[in-house]
């Protein structure tokens, strides 16, 4: 199976939007601690109360509660997503929690214009699917405030003894648009290229990772 184009990605996530939160929980059955990893990725942003953070491909807003804890009610969260159906679910989450500091943007991330004066960017289980991931990471890095951070949590192929399980890993995540072709997408290399102080932590036997980089000015 080859990598999906954007239209196909929209179709996949439009179909999965209503049940996305439930299906994400199913990964716990195979020991994949998705929500623990999400919380860990948010912590890597080193956000403070009052900060502004952008989430690329925010989906149904599964990270919003963690981001709220980090920036507080005086902070600002901007969620960007390609699929309107996912944003509808995110809006429901926002309304249920009465959050007043979240802005949802229906936009192709490759065309998104980052705001001024913001402190962090995060993308979880999404940016590897986007063909222009390198361009997005560069644009975000250019726009970040000094000492701002870029964090990516995503899947990858392991380079250890578990590499023989790669076809199984692809099969499990196939319903979310993952294909073996995406193994050639290395967002952590883009973070290293455009940011500083790259840290990569492998998770779940090397099938997932958190990559983080900071913006350092001369």
C-alpha atoms as a PDB file:
ATOM      1  CA  UNK A   1       0.000   0.000   0.000  1.00  0.00           C
ATOM      2  CA  UNK A   2       1.429   3.387  -0.988  1.00  0.00           C
ATOM      3  CA  UNK A   3       1.144   6.585   1.048  1.00  0.00           C
ATOM      4  CA  UNK A   4      -2.237   8.298   0.865  1.00  0.00           C
ATOM      5  CA  UNK A   5      -2.699  11.661  -0.801  1.00  0.00           C
ATOM      6  CA  UNK A   6      -4.447  14.491   1.067  1.00  0.00           C
ATOM      7  CA  UNK A   7      -7.844  13.760  -0.390  1.00  0.00           C
ATOM      8  CA  UNK A   8      -7.578  10.145   0.728  1.00  0.00           C
ATOM      9  CA  UNK A   9      -6.393  11.212   4.187  1.00  0.00           C
ATOM     10  CA  UNK A  10      -9.435  13.455   4.508  1.00  0.00           C
ATOM     11  CA  UNK A  11     -11.691  10.569   3.524  1.00  0.00           C
ATOM     12  CA  UNK A  12     -10.091   8.251   6.087  1.00  0.00           C
ATOM     13  CA  UNK A  13     -10.425  10.706   8.955  1.00  0.00           C
ATOM     14  CA  UNK A  14     -13.862  11.868   7.916  1.00  0.00           C
ATOM     15  CA  UNK A  15     -15.029   8.258   8.257  1.00  0.00           C
ATOM     16  CA  UNK A  16     -13.216   7.732  11.543  1.00  0.00           C
ATOM     17  CA  UNK A  17     -14.005  11.072  13.195  1.00  0.00           C
ATOM     18  CA  UNK A  18     -17.000  10.007  15.296  1.00  0.00           C
ATOM     19  CA  UNK A  19     -15.293   6.872  16.617  1.00  0.00           C
ATOM     20  CA  UNK A  20     -11.717   8.154  16.669  1.00  0.00           C
ATOM     21  CA  UNK A  21     -11.517   8.572  20.436  1.00  0.00           C
ATOM     22  CA  UNK A  22     -12.837   5.046  21.022  1.00  0.00           C
ATOM     23  CA  UNK A  23     -10.506   3.411  18.498  1.00  0.00           C
ATOM     24  CA  UNK A  24      -7.517   5.266  19.954  1.00  0.00           C
ATOM     25  CA  UNK A  25      -8.247   3.575  23.274  1.00  0.00           C
ATOM     26  CA  UNK A  26      -8.085   0.149  21.643  1.00  0.00           C
ATOM     27  CA  UNK A  27      -4.294   0.420  21.345  1.00  0.00           C
ATOM     28  CA  UNK A  28      -4.123  -0.068  25.122  1.00  0.00           C
ATOM     29  CA  UNK A  29      -5.105  -3.677  24.474  1.00  0.00           C
ATOM     30  CA  UNK A  30      -1.690  -4.268  22.910  1.00  0.00           C
ATOM     31  CA  UNK A  31       0.199  -2.290  25.533  1.00  0.00           C
ATOM     32  CA  UNK A  32       0.482   0.939  23.563  1.00  0.00           C
ATOM     33  CA  UNK A  33       0.073   3.701  26.176  1.00  0.00           C
ATOM     34  CA  UNK A  34      -1.076   6.405  23.781  1.00  0.00           C
ATOM     35  CA  UNK A  35      -2.375   8.889  26.321  1.00  0.00           C
ATOM     36  CA  UNK A  36       0.695   8.551  28.529  1.00  0.00           C
ATOM     37  CA  UNK A  37       2.799   9.277  25.444  1.00  0.00           C
ATOM     38  CA  UNK A  38       0.641  12.293  24.580  1.00  0.00           C
ATOM     39  CA  UNK A  39       1.065  13.716  28.066  1.00  0.00           C
ATOM     40  CA  UNK A  40       4.808  13.129  27.882  1.00  0.00           C
ATOM     41  CA  UNK A  41       4.984  14.941  24.526  1.00  0.00           C
ATOM     42  CA  UNK A  42       3.123  17.944  25.938  1.00  0.00           C
ATOM     43  CA  UNK A  43       5.521  18.061  28.891  1.00  0.00           C
ATOM     44  CA  UNK A  44       8.413  18.176  26.420  1.00  0.00           C
ATOM     45  CA  UNK A  45       7.117  21.544  25.189  1.00  0.00           C
ATOM     46  CA  UNK A  46       8.100  23.124  28.521  1.00  0.00           C
ATOM     47  CA  UNK A  47       5.114  25.458  28.326  1.00  0.00           C
ATOM     48  CA  UNK A  48       4.252  27.991  31.004  1.00  0.00           C
ATOM     49  CA  UNK A  49       0.971  29.554  32.009  1.00  0.00           C
ATOM     50  CA  UNK A  50      -0.050  32.235  29.539  1.00  0.00           C
ATOM     51  CA  UNK A  51       1.888  30.739  26.610  1.00  0.00           C
ATOM     52  CA  UNK A  52       0.444  30.219  23.141  1.00  0.00           C
ATOM     53  CA  UNK A  53       0.812  26.768  21.551  1.00  0.00           C
ATOM     54  CA  UNK A  54      -0.107  25.512  18.068  1.00  0.00           C
ATOM     55  CA  UNK A  55      -1.149  21.910  17.485  1.00  0.00           C
ATOM     56  CA  UNK A  56      -0.725  20.685  13.914  1.00  0.00           C
ATOM     57  CA  UNK A  57      -3.353  18.083  12.981  1.00  0.00           C
ATOM     58  CA  UNK A  58      -5.160  18.386  16.300  1.00  0.00           C
ATOM     59  CA  UNK A  59      -7.840  15.891  15.282  1.00  0.00           C
ATOM     60  CA  UNK A  60     -10.596  15.543  17.867  1.00  0.00           C
ATOM     61  CA  UNK A  61      -8.612  17.414  20.490  1.00  0.00           C
ATOM     62  CA  UNK A  62      -7.199  14.510  22.494  1.00  0.00           C
ATOM     63  CA  UNK A  63      -4.278  16.701  23.617  1.00  0.00           C
ATOM     64  CA  UNK A  64      -6.330  19.720  24.629  1.00  0.00           C
ATOM     65  CA  UNK A  65      -6.700  18.787  28.306  1.00  0.00           C
ATOM     66  CA  UNK A  66      -2.938  18.317  28.650  1.00  0.00           C
ATOM     67  CA  UNK A  67      -2.253  21.584  26.840  1.00  0.00           C
ATOM     68  CA  UNK A  68      -4.779  23.342  29.083  1.00  0.00           C
ATOM     69  CA  UNK A  69      -2.916  22.111  32.148  1.00  0.00           C
ATOM     70  CA  UNK A  70       0.277  23.575  30.703  1.00  0.00           C
ATOM     71  CA  UNK A  71      -0.851  27.028  29.529  1.00  0.00           C
ATOM     72  CA  UNK A  72      -3.760  27.656  31.889  1.00  0.00           C
ATOM     73  CA  UNK A  73      -6.865  29.732  31.149  1.00  0.00           C
ATOM     74  CA  UNK A  74      -4.732  32.772  30.298  1.00  0.00           C
ATOM     75  CA  UNK A  75      -2.872  30.843  27.617  1.00  0.00           C
ATOM     76  CA  UNK A  76      -3.960  30.158  24.063  1.00  0.00           C
ATOM     77  CA  UNK A  77      -4.285  26.899  22.129  1.00  0.00           C
ATOM     78  CA  UNK A  78      -4.628  26.869  18.343  1.00  0.00           C
ATOM     79  CA  UNK A  79      -5.672  23.559  16.793  1.00  0.00           C
ATOM     80  CA  UNK A  80      -5.137  23.148  13.056  1.00  0.00           C
ATOM     81  CA  UNK A  81      -6.591  20.259  11.064  1.00  0.00           C
ATOM     82  CA  UNK A  82      -7.295  19.322   7.453  1.00  0.00           C
ATOM     83  CA  UNK A  83     -10.528  17.438   8.130  1.00  0.00           C
ATOM     84  CA  UNK A  84     -13.708  19.304   9.035  1.00  0.00           C
ATOM     85  CA  UNK A  85     -15.295  16.221  10.609  1.00  0.00           C
ATOM     86  CA  UNK A  86     -12.407  15.895  13.065  1.00  0.00           C
ATOM     87  CA  UNK A  87     -12.681  19.563  13.971  1.00  0.00           C
ATOM     88  CA  UNK A  88     -16.405  19.122  14.625  1.00  0.00           C
ATOM     89  CA  UNK A  89     -15.534  16.537  17.262  1.00  0.00           C
ATOM     90  CA  UNK A  90     -12.847  18.849  18.638  1.00  0.00           C
ATOM     91  CA  UNK A  91     -15.396  21.658  18.895  1.00  0.00           C
ATOM     92  CA  UNK A  92     -17.724  19.394  20.862  1.00  0.00           C
ATOM     93  CA  UNK A  93     -14.892  18.647  23.269  1.00  0.00           C
ATOM     94  CA  UNK A  94     -14.188  22.363  23.676  1.00  0.00           C
ATOM     95  CA  UNK A  95     -17.848  23.116  24.383  1.00  0.00           C
ATOM     96  CA  UNK A  96     -18.218  20.208  26.832  1.00  0.00           C
ATOM     97  CA  UNK A  97     -15.284  21.512  28.887  1.00  0.00           C
ATOM     98  CA  UNK A  98     -16.242  25.175  28.491  1.00  0.00           C
ATOM     99  CA  UNK A  99     -12.765  26.060  27.295  1.00  0.00           C
ATOM    100  CA  UNK A 100     -12.618  29.672  26.127  1.00  0.00           C
ATOM    101  CA  UNK A 101      -9.018  29.854  24.949  1.00  0.00           C
ATOM    102  CA  UNK A 102      -9.012  27.387  22.053  1.00  0.00           C
ATOM    103  CA  UNK A 103      -9.136  28.432  18.409  1.00  0.00           C
ATOM    104  CA  UNK A 104      -9.819  25.759  15.786  1.00  0.00           C
ATOM    105  CA  UNK A 105      -8.522  26.318  12.255  1.00  0.00           C
ATOM    106  CA  UNK A 106      -9.700  24.293   9.258  1.00  0.00           C
ATOM    107  CA  UNK A 107      -6.621  24.419   7.053  1.00  0.00           C
ATOM    108  CA  UNK A 108      -4.026  22.395   5.194  1.00  0.00           C
ATOM    109  CA  UNK A 109      -1.042  22.522   7.544  1.00  0.00           C
ATOM    110  CA  UNK A 110       1.278  23.141   4.595  1.00  0.00           C
ATOM    111  CA  UNK A 111      -0.593  26.398   3.936  1.00  0.00           C
ATOM    112  CA  UNK A 112      -1.084  27.445   7.522  1.00  0.00           C
ATOM    113  CA  UNK A 113       0.405  30.792   8.522  1.00  0.00           C
ATOM    114  CA  UNK A 114       1.746  30.526  12.032  1.00  0.00           C
ATOM    115  CA  UNK A 115       0.891  33.345  14.448  1.00  0.00           C
ATOM    116  CA  UNK A 116       3.336  35.754  16.009  1.00  0.00           C
ATOM    117  CA  UNK A 117       4.706  35.398  19.528  1.00  0.00           C
ATOM    118  CA  UNK A 118       3.971  31.775  20.296  1.00  0.00           C
ATOM    119  CA  UNK A 119       5.994  29.362  22.364  1.00  0.00           C
ATOM    120  CA  UNK A 120       5.435  25.846  21.118  1.00  0.00           C
ATOM    121  CA  UNK A 121       4.264  23.546  18.338  1.00  0.00           C
ATOM    122  CA  UNK A 122       3.172  19.966  18.744  1.00  0.00           C
ATOM    123  CA  UNK A 123       1.975  17.244  16.389  1.00  0.00           C
ATOM    124  CA  UNK A 124       0.992  13.783  17.573  1.00  0.00           C
ATOM    125  CA  UNK A 125       0.518  10.735  15.337  1.00  0.00           C
ATOM    126  CA  UNK A 126      -0.102  12.929  12.298  1.00  0.00           C
ATOM    127  CA  UNK A 127       2.731  14.875  10.702  1.00  0.00           C
ATOM    128  CA  UNK A 128       4.365  11.790   9.159  1.00  0.00           C
ATOM    129  CA  UNK A 129       1.236  11.419   7.008  1.00  0.00           C
ATOM    130  CA  UNK A 130       1.714  14.881   5.474  1.00  0.00           C
ATOM    131  CA  UNK A 131       3.898  14.982   2.335  1.00  0.00           C
ATOM    132  CA  UNK A 132       5.134  18.507   3.152  1.00  0.00           C
ATOM    133  CA  UNK A 133       6.120  17.670   6.737  1.00  0.00           C
ATOM    134  CA  UNK A 134       9.605  19.143   6.271  1.00  0.00           C
ATOM    135  CA  UNK A 135       8.190  22.449   5.010  1.00  0.00           C
ATOM    136  CA  UNK A 136       5.730  22.601   7.906  1.00  0.00           C
ATOM    137  CA  UNK A 137       8.461  22.017  10.466  1.00  0.00           C
ATOM    138  CA  UNK A 138      10.603  24.728   8.856  1.00  0.00           C
ATOM    139  CA  UNK A 139       7.747  27.234   8.767  1.00  0.00           C
ATOM    140  CA  UNK A 140       6.977  26.574  12.405  1.00  0.00           C
ATOM    141  CA  UNK A 141      10.620  26.830  13.424  1.00  0.00           C
ATOM    142  CA  UNK A 142      10.946  30.179  11.651  1.00  0.00           C
ATOM    143  CA  UNK A 143       7.872  31.578  13.411  1.00  0.00           C
ATOM    144  CA  UNK A 144       8.575  30.358  16.951  1.00  0.00           C
ATOM    145  CA  UNK A 145       9.684  32.720  19.680  1.00  0.00           C
ATOM    146  CA  UNK A 146      13.262  32.344  20.968  1.00  0.00           C
ATOM    147  CA  UNK A 147      13.458  29.292  23.232  1.00  0.00           C
ATOM    148  CA  UNK A 148      10.228  27.965  21.696  1.00  0.00           C
ATOM    149  CA  UNK A 149       9.991  24.226  21.136  1.00  0.00           C
ATOM    150  CA  UNK A 150       8.828  21.878  18.375  1.00  0.00           C
ATOM    151  CA  UNK A 151       7.663  18.437  19.540  1.00  0.00           C
ATOM    152  CA  UNK A 152       6.574  15.479  17.417  1.00  0.00           C
ATOM    153  CA  UNK A 153       5.096  12.237  18.711  1.00  0.00           C
ATOM    154  CA  UNK A 154       4.638   9.694  15.973  1.00  0.00           C
ATOM    155  CA  UNK A 155       5.167   6.189  14.659  1.00  0.00           C
ATOM    156  CA  UNK A 156       8.288   4.880  12.947  1.00  0.00           C
ATOM    157  CA  UNK A 157       9.868   1.594  12.016  1.00  0.00           C
ATOM    158  CA  UNK A 158      12.153   0.142  14.706  1.00  0.00           C
ATOM    159  CA  UNK A 159      15.829  -0.370  13.932  1.00  0.00           C
ATOM    160  CA  UNK A 160      16.335  -2.975  16.657  1.00  0.00           C
ATOM    161  CA  UNK A 161      15.487  -6.626  17.219  1.00  0.00           C
ATOM    162  CA  UNK A 162      11.798  -5.829  16.825  1.00  0.00           C
ATOM    163  CA  UNK A 163      12.198  -4.726  13.198  1.00  0.00           C
ATOM    164  CA  UNK A 164      10.771  -8.037  11.970  1.00  0.00           C
ATOM    165  CA  UNK A 165       7.428  -6.957  13.464  1.00  0.00           C
ATOM    166  CA  UNK A 166       7.239  -3.903  11.194  1.00  0.00           C
ATOM    167  CA  UNK A 167       4.605  -5.406   8.826  1.00  0.00           C
ATOM    168  CA  UNK A 168       2.387  -6.151  11.840  1.00  0.00           C
ATOM    169  CA  UNK A 169       2.797  -2.606  13.107  1.00  0.00           C
ATOM    170  CA  UNK A 170       1.775  -1.205   9.723  1.00  0.00           C
ATOM    171  CA  UNK A 171      -1.235  -3.532   9.600  1.00  0.00           C
ATOM    172  CA  UNK A 172      -2.410  -2.372  13.047  1.00  0.00           C
ATOM    173  CA  UNK A 173      -2.173   1.316  12.137  1.00  0.00           C
ATOM    174  CA  UNK A 174      -3.410   0.944   8.540  1.00  0.00           C
ATOM    175  CA  UNK A 175      -6.951   2.089   9.471  1.00  0.00           C
ATOM    176  CA  UNK A 176      -5.416   5.474  10.326  1.00  0.00           C
ATOM    177  CA  UNK A 177      -3.759   5.886   6.935  1.00  0.00           C
ATOM    178  CA  UNK A 178      -0.355   4.465   7.842  1.00  0.00           C
ATOM    179  CA  UNK A 179       1.575   2.638   5.126  1.00  0.00           C
ATOM    180  CA  UNK A 180       5.087   1.220   4.789  1.00  0.00           C
ATOM    181  CA  UNK A 181       5.980   4.042   2.365  1.00  0.00           C
ATOM    182  CA  UNK A 182       5.833   6.479   5.264  1.00  0.00           C
ATOM    183  CA  UNK A 183       8.984   4.902   6.693  1.00  0.00           C
ATOM    184  CA  UNK A 184      10.868   7.290   4.415  1.00  0.00           C
ATOM    185  CA  UNK A 185       9.409  10.289   6.275  1.00  0.00           C
ATOM    186  CA  UNK A 186      11.729  11.301   9.128  1.00  0.00           C
ATOM    187  CA  UNK A 187      10.320  14.378  10.913  1.00  0.00           C
ATOM    188  CA  UNK A 188      12.999  14.139  13.611  1.00  0.00           C
ATOM    189  CA  UNK A 189      15.605  14.908  10.926  1.00  0.00           C
ATOM    190  CA  UNK A 190      13.667  18.043   9.999  1.00  0.00           C
ATOM    191  CA  UNK A 191      13.586  19.115  13.632  1.00  0.00           C
ATOM    192  CA  UNK A 192      17.335  18.634  13.794  1.00  0.00           C
ATOM    193  CA  UNK A 193      17.748  20.616  10.550  1.00  0.00           C
ATOM    194  CA  UNK A 194      15.717  23.652  11.590  1.00  0.00           C
ATOM    195  CA  UNK A 195      15.932  23.608  15.387  1.00  0.00           C
ATOM    196  CA  UNK A 196      18.622  23.012  18.011  1.00  0.00           C
ATOM    197  CA  UNK A 197      19.296  20.515  20.782  1.00  0.00           C
ATOM    198  CA  UNK A 198      17.465  17.593  19.193  1.00  0.00           C
ATOM    199  CA  UNK A 199      16.326  14.908  21.623  1.00  0.00           C
ATOM    200  CA  UNK A 200      14.705  11.710  20.353  1.00  0.00           C
ATOM    201  CA  UNK A 201      13.200   9.201  22.749  1.00  0.00           C
ATOM    202  CA  UNK A 202      12.023   5.868  21.390  1.00  0.00           C
ATOM    203  CA  UNK A 203       8.805   4.402  22.748  1.00  0.00           C
ATOM    204  CA  UNK A 204       7.062   1.041  22.523  1.00  0.00           C
ATOM    205  CA  UNK A 205      10.101  -0.923  21.400  1.00  0.00           C
ATOM    206  CA  UNK A 206      11.071   1.641  18.778  1.00  0.00           C
ATOM    207  CA  UNK A 207       7.706   1.705  16.985  1.00  0.00           C
ATOM    208  CA  UNK A 208       7.051   5.240  18.214  1.00  0.00           C
ATOM    209  CA  UNK A 209       9.133   8.207  19.303  1.00  0.00           C
ATOM    210  CA  UNK A 210       9.077  11.702  20.730  1.00  0.00           C
ATOM    211  CA  UNK A 211      11.361  14.208  18.990  1.00  0.00           C
ATOM    212  CA  UNK A 212      11.903  17.649  20.447  1.00  0.00           C
ATOM    213  CA  UNK A 213      13.993  20.643  19.474  1.00  0.00           C
ATOM    214  CA  UNK A 214      14.355  24.193  20.750  1.00  0.00           C
ATOM    215  CA  UNK A 215      14.841  27.497  18.941  1.00  0.00           C
ATOM    216  CA  UNK A 216      18.075  29.181  19.854  1.00  0.00           C
ATOM    217  CA  UNK A 217      18.949  32.623  18.534  1.00  0.00           C
ATOM    218  CA  UNK A 218      22.438  34.038  18.234  1.00  0.00           C
END
